[in-house]
Amino acid sequence: VKLYAFERLQKNIIKWIRNEPLASYSNSQYLKFLLELNILPFKELSIYNDLRLFYEIVYDLVPLPLPHFISAVDPSILRGTRANFNIINGLDHTSFTDALNFKTHSALSDSFFP
């Protein structure tokens, strides 16, 4: 689903709510109106919903299993740094990793200078 179409729909809904069907808003005005109405933009709303669902899965608030490729971080494979201190010492049980290992493609990866 294209996010752009939903954002356009949301802009038209805001215009309808404000009774300004022919108005043209800048991005900052549009965000200001969304905040006044206590509405998240669609992009942030989808991110929020994904994070909320992940939280609910992790804490067994919904009857869905954690996907097989996501697991808790194994403290034994981490380097002893300040950022990993709580994980290594068993104080942080909320860190997860995935087994997919996606590689991002850089525009410069095929260039003459690697």
Protein backbone atom coordinates (compact mmCIF):
# COMPACT_ATOMS: atom_id res chain seq x y z
CA VAL A 1 0.00 0.00 0.00
CA LYS A 2 1.38 3.37 -0.95
CA LEU A 3 1.78 5.65 2.03
CA TYR A 4 1.53 8.73 -0.17
CA ALA A 5 -2.12 8.00 -0.99
CA PHE A 6 -3.00 7.72 2.69
CA GLU A 7 -1.18 10.96 3.48
CA ARG A 8 -3.15 12.76 0.76
CA LEU A 9 -6.37 11.32 2.16
CA GLN A 10 -5.38 12.49 5.64
CA LYS A 11 -4.66 16.00 4.33
CA ASN A 12 -8.09 16.11 2.70
CA ILE A 13 -9.70 14.94 5.93
CA ILE A 14 -7.92 17.72 7.85
CA LYS A 15 -9.19 20.24 5.31
CA TRP A 16 -12.71 18.85 5.71
CA ILE A 17 -12.51 18.98 9.54
CA ARG A 18 -11.28 22.57 9.39
CA ASN A 19 -13.97 23.42 6.78
CA GLU A 20 -11.31 24.66 4.35
CA PRO A 21 -11.71 22.42 1.28
CA LEU A 22 -9.73 24.69 -1.06
CA ALA A 23 -6.92 25.52 1.37
CA SER A 24 -3.30 24.70 0.68
CA TYR A 25 -1.11 23.96 3.70
CA SER A 26 2.64 23.96 4.06
CA ASN A 27 4.15 20.92 5.76
CA SER A 28 4.64 22.83 9.01
CA GLN A 29 1.03 24.09 8.99
CA TYR A 30 -0.24 20.59 8.25
CA LEU A 31 1.78 19.10 11.13
CA LYS A 32 0.56 21.88 13.42
CA PHE A 33 -3.07 21.08 12.56
CA LEU A 34 -2.46 17.36 13.14
CA LEU A 35 -1.00 18.10 16.57
CA GLU A 36 -3.93 20.35 17.45
CA LEU A 37 -6.31 17.50 16.59
CA ASN A 38 -4.14 14.94 18.43
CA ILE A 39 -3.59 12.91 15.24
CA LEU A 40 -0.36 11.25 14.14
CA PRO A 41 0.76 11.47 10.51
CA PHE A 42 0.25 8.12 8.74
CA LYS A 43 3.98 7.33 8.57
CA GLU A 44 4.45 7.79 12.31
CA LEU A 45 1.17 6.02 13.01
CA SER A 46 2.31 2.92 11.15
CA ILE A 47 5.65 2.93 13.01
CA TYR A 48 3.81 3.35 16.32
CA ASN A 49 1.46 0.47 15.52
CA ASP A 50 4.39 -1.80 14.58
CA LEU A 51 6.19 -1.00 17.83
CA ARG A 52 3.04 -1.49 19.86
CA LEU A 53 2.37 -4.88 18.26
CA PHE A 54 5.98 -5.95 18.89
CA TYR A 55 5.63 -4.92 22.55
CA GLU A 56 2.36 -6.86 22.86
CA ILE A 57 3.92 -9.96 21.29
CA VAL A 58 7.00 -9.82 23.55
CA TYR A 59 4.92 -9.47 26.71
CA ASP A 60 2.29 -12.08 25.65
CA LEU A 61 -0.53 -9.54 25.48
CA VAL A 62 -1.69 -10.96 22.15
CA PRO A 63 -1.85 -14.63 21.10
CA LEU A 64 0.90 -14.30 18.48
CA PRO A 65 4.33 -15.91 18.69
CA LEU A 66 7.54 -13.98 18.17
CA PRO A 67 8.77 -14.67 14.62
CA HIS A 68 11.43 -17.39 14.46
CA PHE A 69 14.07 -15.01 13.10
CA ILE A 70 13.80 -12.61 16.09
CA SER A 71 15.36 -13.62 19.39
CA ALA A 72 16.73 -12.09 22.57
CA VAL A 73 20.34 -10.95 22.34
CA ASP A 74 22.81 -13.58 23.55
CA PRO A 75 25.02 -11.80 26.12
CA SER A 76 27.93 -14.17 25.52
CA ILE A 77 28.55 -12.86 22.00
CA LEU A 78 28.67 -9.17 22.97
CA ARG A 79 31.80 -7.15 23.58
CA GLY A 80 32.14 -5.62 27.03
CA THR A 81 31.29 -2.00 26.30
CA ARG A 82 29.34 0.58 28.23
CA ALA A 83 26.44 0.22 25.79
CA ASN A 84 26.26 -3.55 26.44
CA PHE A 85 26.90 -3.49 30.21
CA ASN A 86 23.27 -4.05 31.24
CA ILE A 87 22.75 -6.86 28.71
CA ILE A 88 25.94 -8.70 29.70
CA ASN A 89 25.14 -8.45 33.41
CA GLY A 90 21.55 -9.65 32.96
CA LEU A 91 19.97 -6.30 33.81
CA ASP A 92 18.45 -5.76 30.35
CA HIS A 93 16.13 -8.42 28.92
CA THR A 94 14.57 -6.17 26.30
CA SER A 95 17.23 -6.29 23.58
CA PHE A 96 16.46 -8.36 20.49
CA THR A 97 18.29 -9.30 17.32
CA ASP A 98 17.24 -10.77 14.00
CA ALA A 99 18.75 -13.62 12.03
CA LEU A 100 18.03 -12.11 8.62
CA ASN A 101 21.23 -10.05 8.30
CA PHE A 102 20.00 -7.80 5.52
CA LYS A 103 22.80 -6.13 3.63
CA THR A 104 22.14 -2.59 2.57
CA HIS A 105 23.20 -1.64 -0.92
CA SER A 106 25.26 1.51 -1.06
CA ALA A 107 25.36 3.67 -4.15
CA LEU A 108 29.15 3.53 -3.85
CA SER A 109 29.47 -0.23 -3.42
CA ASP A 110 29.93 -0.76 -7.17
CA SER A 111 32.20 2.23 -7.64
CA PHE A 112 35.90 2.21 -8.36
CA PHE A 113 36.70 3.17 -4.74
CA PRO A 114 35.20 0.55 -2.38
